[in-house]
Amino acid sequence: MKRSLLALLVAILCFSSCKKNNINKTTAKTDPPNTVTINGTLYPTAVIAEKTWTVRNYNGADGVDYIEGHNDTTKGKLYTQSEAKAIKVPIGWRLPSQADYNTLLDLIGNLSDGNGHYIGNDNSKPQMLISTSGWDYGSGTNATGFNAHPAGYYAVDSGDAIYLDAGWSTHLVTSSTYPAGDSIGAGAVWIIIYEDAYSRLGAGENSGTTSPADRGSVRFVKDN
């Protein structure tokens, strides 16, 4: 009888240990290399200028499609700054600040306007940030791996909401705002990368005031 009870106890302990190991294997799941899962979706990443960036536009809940009624998983959705700040991301990740994006602008050789702003025009180097396909007027080299896609932006003007510049520009939302009295204007800081019908290239900050209702594309970054 004692031997039977001992055998039963050993069997129970073995079953419990196996079950625990299976649970640990399930919860220990990690993302594949060069990716991160954000709210159930896997996004590719790349190390650029000593930071790790998501290199596809966020396409989660809320926001609006980059063209009304048409969702594209590469171009993603457009978000206001307040919506972008509210997106839950894994530990260590964040919505990029103006300073984070400035590391990219430094990388491609943009110069400050003298007031601490990076306003870049007619400079071939923005091609280093632009994806190799999907642009209406010529594509980039994507030499940095940032892979900017031309989702345009969504603006509110005199109460009317309009979609603008899809196909030839990307407007990236940052976590930063311009201080009162800044030379640019007021509102959120956006980073704009474009290649237009006149063969003009640019990468820099928005050059005017933004509305809290305006929407742009969202990327995420973490320090290495």
Protein backbone atom coordinates (compact mmCIF):
# COMPACT_ATOMS: atom_id res chain seq x y z
CA MET A 1 0.00 0.00 0.00
CA LYS A 2 2.81 2.40 0.90
CA ARG A 3 4.56 1.61 -2.37
CA SER A 4 1.35 2.40 -4.30
CA LEU A 5 0.94 5.74 -2.54
CA LEU A 6 4.60 6.60 -3.17
CA ALA A 7 4.27 5.77 -6.86
CA LEU A 8 1.11 7.88 -7.09
CA LEU A 9 2.84 10.82 -5.40
CA VAL A 10 5.82 10.59 -7.79
CA ALA A 11 3.45 10.53 -10.77
CA ILE A 12 1.58 13.62 -9.53
CA LEU A 13 4.85 15.53 -8.98
CA CYS A 14 6.10 14.61 -12.48
CA PHE A 15 2.81 15.74 -14.08
CA SER A 16 2.89 19.03 -12.17
CA SER A 17 6.51 19.67 -13.18
CA CYS A 18 5.81 18.95 -16.86
CA LYS A 19 2.76 21.22 -16.83
CA LYS A 20 4.78 24.03 -15.22
CA ASN A 21 7.51 23.65 -17.83
CA ASN A 22 4.93 23.88 -20.62
CA ILE A 23 3.50 27.07 -19.11
CA ASN A 24 6.98 28.59 -18.86
CA LYS A 25 7.67 27.73 -22.49
CA THR A 26 4.46 29.46 -23.53
CA THR A 27 5.02 32.64 -21.54
CA ALA A 28 8.70 32.87 -22.53
CA LYS A 29 7.83 33.47 -26.20
CA THR A 30 9.92 36.27 -27.71
CA ASP A 31 9.72 38.24 -30.95
CA PRO A 32 11.87 37.15 -33.91
CA PRO A 33 15.09 39.16 -34.44
CA ASN A 34 14.66 42.71 -35.77
CA THR A 35 10.96 42.85 -34.90
CA VAL A 36 8.74 44.05 -32.07
CA THR A 37 5.13 43.19 -31.27
CA ILE A 38 2.97 46.23 -30.53
CA ASN A 39 -0.65 45.61 -29.58
CA GLY A 40 -0.72 42.22 -31.27
CA THR A 41 0.99 43.19 -34.54
CA LEU A 42 4.58 42.38 -35.46
CA TYR A 43 6.59 45.36 -36.81
CA PRO A 44 10.04 45.20 -38.43
CA THR A 45 12.82 47.20 -36.77
CA ALA A 46 16.26 48.53 -37.69
CA VAL A 47 19.16 50.04 -35.77
CA ILE A 48 19.83 53.56 -37.09
CA ALA A 49 22.15 56.09 -35.46
CA GLU A 50 22.48 53.97 -32.29
CA LYS A 51 18.71 53.73 -31.76
CA THR A 52 16.26 50.99 -32.72
CA TRP A 53 13.33 52.19 -34.84
CA THR A 54 10.18 50.57 -36.12
CA VAL A 55 10.45 50.79 -39.90
CA ARG A 56 6.80 50.41 -40.88
CA ASN A 57 4.02 52.85 -39.98
CA TYR A 58 1.83 51.93 -37.02
CA ASN A 59 -1.52 50.43 -38.01
CA GLY A 60 -3.34 49.78 -34.75
CA ALA A 61 -6.66 50.73 -33.21
CA ASP A 62 -8.05 54.26 -33.40
CA GLY A 63 -6.62 56.66 -35.98
CA VAL A 64 -7.93 57.00 -39.53
CA ASP A 65 -6.87 55.27 -42.74
CA TYR A 66 -4.34 57.19 -44.81
CA ILE A 67 -6.97 57.39 -47.55
CA GLU A 68 -10.56 57.43 -46.38
CA GLY A 69 -11.97 53.91 -46.43
CA HIS A 70 -8.72 52.29 -47.56
CA ASN A 71 -6.40 50.65 -45.05
CA ASP A 72 -2.85 49.78 -46.06
CA THR A 73 -0.76 47.77 -43.60
CA THR A 74 2.46 49.37 -44.87
CA LYS A 75 1.34 53.00 -44.90
CA GLY A 76 -0.63 52.45 -41.69
CA LYS A 77 -3.10 54.84 -40.10
CA LEU A 78 -2.87 58.54 -39.27
CA TYR A 79 -3.01 59.73 -35.65
CA THR A 80 -3.23 62.97 -33.73
CA GLN A 81 -0.42 63.65 -31.31
CA SER A 82 -2.65 62.89 -28.32
CA GLU A 83 -3.73 59.56 -29.86
CA ALA A 84 -0.12 58.65 -30.64
CA LYS A 85 0.98 59.41 -27.09
CA ALA A 86 -1.76 57.12 -25.75
CA ILE A 87 -0.62 54.04 -27.72
CA LYS A 88 0.67 51.35 -25.36
CA VAL A 89 4.12 50.10 -26.36
CA PRO A 90 6.51 47.51 -24.86
CA ILE A 91 8.86 48.56 -22.08
CA GLY A 92 11.73 50.66 -23.43
CA TRP A 93 9.85 51.85 -26.52
CA ARG A 94 8.36 55.34 -26.97
CA LEU A 95 6.87 57.79 -29.44
CA PRO A 96 9.94 59.60 -30.86
CA SER A 97 10.67 63.12 -29.70
CA GLN A 98 11.97 66.00 -31.80
CA ALA A 99 15.45 65.13 -30.49
CA ASP A 100 15.11 61.50 -31.59
CA TYR A 101 14.27 62.53 -35.14
CA ASN A 102 17.09 65.07 -35.12
CA THR A 103 19.52 62.14 -34.91
CA LEU A 104 18.16 60.98 -38.30
CA LEU A 105 18.41 64.50 -39.75
CA ASP A 106 21.99 64.75 -38.48
CA LEU A 107 22.71 61.42 -40.14
CA ILE A 108 21.67 62.67 -43.58
CA GLY A 109 23.54 65.95 -43.13
CA ASN A 110 20.69 68.40 -42.60
CA LEU A 111 21.64 71.78 -41.19
CA SER A 112 19.86 73.79 -38.55
CA ASP A 113 18.16 77.03 -39.59
CA GLY A 114 19.95 78.87 -36.81
CA ASN A 115 17.00 78.62 -34.42
CA GLY A 116 17.54 74.99 -33.55
CA HIS A 117 15.22 73.72 -36.29
CA TYR A 118 16.02 71.38 -39.14
CA ILE A 119 14.26 72.61 -42.26
CA GLY A 120 15.70 70.72 -45.23
CA ASN A 121 14.95 71.41 -48.90
CA ASP A 122 16.38 70.34 -52.26
CA ASN A 123 18.77 67.90 -50.70
CA SER A 124 19.35 64.48 -52.29
CA LYS A 125 20.22 62.93 -48.97
CA PRO A 126 16.57 62.51 -47.82
CA GLN A 127 16.50 59.61 -50.29
CA MET A 128 18.44 57.73 -47.63
CA LEU A 129 15.27 57.75 -45.47
CA ILE A 130 12.78 56.97 -48.26
CA SER A 131 11.50 53.50 -49.21
CA THR A 132 12.55 52.06 -52.56
CA SER A 133 8.98 51.82 -53.86
CA GLY A 134 5.52 53.33 -53.45
CA TRP A 135 6.34 56.98 -54.19
CA ASP A 136 4.64 58.79 -57.06
CA TYR A 137 7.61 60.85 -58.27
CA GLY A 138 10.58 58.55 -57.81
CA SER A 139 11.68 56.40 -54.91
CA GLY A 140 14.52 56.53 -52.42
CA THR A 141 17.57 54.42 -51.69
CA ASN A 142 16.50 53.59 -48.11
CA ALA A 143 20.20 53.51 -47.28
CA THR A 144 19.48 54.11 -43.58
CA GLY A 145 16.81 51.41 -43.39
CA PHE A 146 14.21 53.88 -42.07
CA ASN A 147 11.87 53.01 -44.96
CA ALA A 148 9.63 56.10 -44.97
CA HIS A 149 6.34 55.50 -46.80
CA PRO A 150 4.29 58.31 -48.41
CA ALA A 151 1.04 58.21 -46.41
CA GLY A 152 0.58 61.99 -46.51
CA TYR A 153 -1.42 63.55 -43.69
CA TYR A 154 -4.89 64.52 -42.51
CA ALA A 155 -5.52 68.20 -41.81
CA VAL A 156 -8.38 70.17 -40.32
CA ASP A 157 -8.77 73.58 -41.95
CA SER A 158 -11.65 75.90 -41.02
CA GLY A 159 -13.58 72.92 -39.72
CA ASP A 160 -13.11 70.82 -42.87
CA ALA A 161 -11.05 67.65 -42.72
CA ILE A 162 -8.98 66.82 -45.79
CA TYR A 163 -6.43 64.18 -46.78
CA LEU A 164 -3.29 65.66 -48.33
CA ASP A 165 -0.07 64.68 -50.10
CA ALA A 166 -0.39 60.87 -50.07
CA GLY A 167 2.01 59.40 -52.59
CA TRP A 168 4.75 62.00 -52.21
CA SER A 169 5.21 62.82 -48.52
CA THR A 170 5.23 61.34 -45.06
CA HIS A 171 4.36 63.39 -41.97
CA LEU A 172 5.63 61.82 -38.77
CA VAL A 173 4.11 62.69 -35.39
CA THR A 174 6.52 63.40 -32.53
CA SER A 175 5.96 63.66 -28.79
CA SER A 176 7.30 67.24 -28.78
CA THR A 177 5.56 70.61 -29.00
CA TYR A 178 6.95 74.01 -29.90
CA PRO A 179 7.32 76.36 -26.92
CA ALA A 180 5.38 79.62 -26.79
CA GLY A 181 6.93 82.26 -29.02
CA ASP A 182 8.88 79.77 -31.12
CA SER A 183 9.92 80.96 -34.58
CA ILE A 184 8.04 78.09 -36.27
CA GLY A 185 4.67 78.69 -34.67
CA ALA A 186 2.72 76.60 -32.20
CA GLY A 187 1.46 73.07 -31.77
CA ALA A 188 3.03 69.64 -32.25
CA VAL A 189 6.39 69.11 -33.89
CA TRP A 190 6.12 66.97 -37.04
CA ILE A 191 8.90 65.60 -39.21
CA ILE A 192 8.16 65.83 -42.93
CA ILE A 193 9.94 63.86 -45.65
CA TYR A 194 8.94 64.50 -49.25
CA GLU A 195 9.78 63.99 -52.90
CA ASP A 196 7.46 66.00 -55.15
CA ALA A 197 6.54 66.40 -58.81
CA TYR A 198 9.23 69.07 -59.25
CA SER A 199 12.01 66.66 -58.23
CA ARG A 200 12.38 68.52 -54.96
CA LEU A 201 13.48 66.49 -51.96
CA GLY A 202 13.27 67.47 -48.34
CA ALA A 203 13.41 66.23 -44.78
CA GLY A 204 12.88 68.43 -41.75
CA GLU A 205 10.41 69.86 -39.28
CA ASN A 206 7.04 71.32 -40.20
CA SER A 207 7.39 74.97 -41.09
CA GLY A 208 4.14 76.23 -39.58
CA THR A 209 1.57 75.82 -36.85
CA THR A 210 -0.19 72.47 -36.52
CA SER A 211 -3.70 71.85 -35.17
CA PRO A 212 -4.36 69.32 -32.36
CA ALA A 213 -6.77 67.61 -34.80
CA ASP A 214 -4.14 67.13 -37.54
CA ARG A 215 -3.00 63.53 -38.09
CA GLY A 216 0.23 61.96 -39.29
CA SER A 217 2.05 58.63 -39.39
CA VAL A 218 3.52 57.05 -36.27
CA ARG A 219 6.80 55.25 -35.66
CA PHE A 220 8.40 54.14 -32.38
CA VAL A 221 11.96 54.16 -31.09
CA LYS A 222 14.06 52.84 -28.21
CA ASP A 223 17.58 53.53 -27.01
CA ASN A 224 20.15 50.78 -27.47
